[in-house]
């Protein structure tokens, strides 16, 4: 089983994007073995809003230590899954599917398969 570690931006849009990616991974049967890098949330006083994995880390944090197996900074996604956001995503997906059927356009999954 594939393992995916999601590293959201440290803000609401970043966390919503993380849930959307997790939703796609699960509903498309790719994997349910999803982890969540929660360092910015756990230590928000040291990680500014909108911080992301590409930004500089505060001095006492090193990426190689954060990503070690068993790291306290990596949680199982199922422990942070937000059912309310998933319901919003499902609703959006349904509306997008209906719009695609109405306009006759395919989904992004079909790109390059013609």
Protein backbone atom coordinates (compact mmCIF):
# COMPACT_ATOMS: atom_id res chain seq x y z
CA UNK A 1 0.00 0.00 0.00
CA UNK A 2 1.31 3.43 -0.91
CA UNK A 3 1.97 5.89 1.89
CA UNK A 4 1.36 9.57 1.25
CA UNK A 5 2.38 12.38 3.59
CA UNK A 6 0.36 15.55 3.09
CA UNK A 7 2.06 18.83 3.99
CA UNK A 8 -0.58 21.58 3.95
CA UNK A 9 0.05 25.30 4.09
CA UNK A 10 -0.51 26.62 7.61
CA UNK A 11 -3.87 28.26 6.94
CA UNK A 12 -7.47 27.30 6.24
CA UNK A 13 -7.14 27.19 2.42
CA UNK A 14 -4.07 24.95 2.82
CA UNK A 15 -5.88 22.57 5.13
CA UNK A 16 -8.91 22.48 2.81
CA UNK A 17 -6.59 21.63 -0.10
CA UNK A 18 -5.08 18.84 2.01
CA UNK A 19 -8.55 17.38 2.61
CA UNK A 20 -9.37 17.62 -1.12
CA UNK A 21 -6.19 15.68 -1.99
CA UNK A 22 -6.93 13.07 0.69
CA UNK A 23 -10.47 12.76 -0.64
CA UNK A 24 -9.15 12.09 -4.15
CA UNK A 25 -6.58 9.56 -2.89
CA UNK A 26 -9.26 7.61 -1.02
CA UNK A 27 -12.19 7.84 -3.44
CA UNK A 28 -10.06 6.98 -6.47
CA UNK A 29 -8.72 3.90 -4.65
CA UNK A 30 -5.10 5.09 -4.66
CA UNK A 31 -4.47 4.71 -0.93
CA UNK A 32 -5.96 5.15 2.51
CA UNK A 33 -2.50 5.13 4.08
CA UNK A 34 -2.33 8.90 4.42
CA UNK A 35 -0.26 10.84 6.92
CA UNK A 36 -0.41 14.51 7.80
CA UNK A 37 2.56 16.74 8.63
CA UNK A 38 1.15 18.72 11.53
CA UNK A 39 4.22 20.60 12.76
CA UNK A 40 2.97 24.07 11.83
CA UNK A 41 -0.32 23.43 13.58
CA UNK A 42 1.32 21.97 16.71
CA UNK A 43 3.84 24.78 17.00
CA UNK A 44 1.91 27.68 15.49
CA UNK A 45 3.84 30.26 17.50
CA UNK A 46 6.99 29.35 15.53
CA UNK A 47 5.39 28.75 12.12
CA UNK A 48 3.60 31.78 10.65
CA UNK A 49 0.23 31.64 8.97
CA UNK A 50 0.50 30.34 5.39
CA UNK A 51 3.88 28.71 6.12
CA UNK A 52 4.49 25.71 3.89
CA UNK A 53 7.07 22.96 3.49
CA UNK A 54 9.02 24.99 0.91
CA UNK A 55 9.55 27.86 3.36
CA UNK A 56 12.50 28.11 5.74
CA UNK A 57 12.17 26.15 8.96
CA UNK A 58 12.69 27.85 12.32
CA UNK A 59 16.21 27.20 13.64
CA UNK A 60 15.50 24.28 15.96
CA UNK A 61 13.53 22.30 13.36
CA UNK A 62 15.15 20.24 10.59
CA UNK A 63 13.19 18.53 7.84
CA UNK A 64 15.16 15.28 8.11
CA UNK A 65 14.25 15.01 11.82
CA UNK A 66 10.62 15.92 11.24
CA UNK A 67 10.14 13.19 8.63
CA UNK A 68 11.80 10.39 10.62
CA UNK A 69 9.67 7.27 11.10
CA UNK A 70 7.61 7.60 14.26
CA UNK A 71 8.01 11.37 14.30
CA UNK A 72 5.60 13.19 16.62
CA UNK A 73 5.08 15.68 13.79
CA UNK A 74 3.37 13.16 11.51
CA UNK A 75 -0.17 12.09 12.35
CA UNK A 76 -2.49 9.60 10.71
CA UNK A 77 -4.82 11.53 8.43
CA UNK A 78 -7.83 9.64 9.78
CA UNK A 79 -7.20 11.40 13.11
CA UNK A 80 -7.64 14.85 11.51
CA UNK A 81 -10.17 14.03 8.79
CA UNK A 82 -12.86 16.70 8.78
CA UNK A 83 -16.20 15.15 7.80
CA UNK A 84 -17.77 18.57 7.23
CA UNK A 85 -15.09 19.47 4.64
CA UNK A 86 -15.45 16.02 3.02
CA UNK A 87 -19.21 16.61 2.62
CA UNK A 88 -18.47 19.97 0.99
CA UNK A 89 -16.01 18.27 -1.38
CA UNK A 90 -18.54 15.55 -2.25
CA UNK A 91 -21.13 18.22 -3.03
CA UNK A 92 -18.65 20.13 -5.22
CA UNK A 93 -17.64 16.92 -7.02
CA UNK A 94 -21.29 16.10 -7.73
CA UNK A 95 -21.92 19.59 -9.11
CA UNK A 96 -18.77 19.39 -11.27
CA UNK A 97 -19.83 15.99 -12.64
CA UNK A 98 -23.29 17.32 -13.51
CA UNK A 99 -21.80 20.39 -15.19
CA UNK A 100 -19.43 18.19 -17.20
CA UNK A 101 -22.31 15.99 -18.32
CA UNK A 102 -24.37 19.02 -19.27
CA UNK A 103 -21.60 20.64 -21.31
CA UNK A 104 -20.34 17.35 -22.71
CA UNK A 105 -16.82 17.88 -21.39
CA UNK A 106 -14.93 15.08 -19.72
CA UNK A 107 -13.19 15.05 -16.40
CA UNK A 108 -9.53 15.78 -15.83
CA UNK A 109 -9.01 12.02 -15.48
CA UNK A 110 -9.68 11.59 -19.20
CA UNK A 111 -7.10 14.10 -20.42
CA UNK A 112 -4.72 12.59 -22.93
CA UNK A 113 -6.71 9.37 -23.23
CA UNK A 114 -8.46 10.20 -26.48
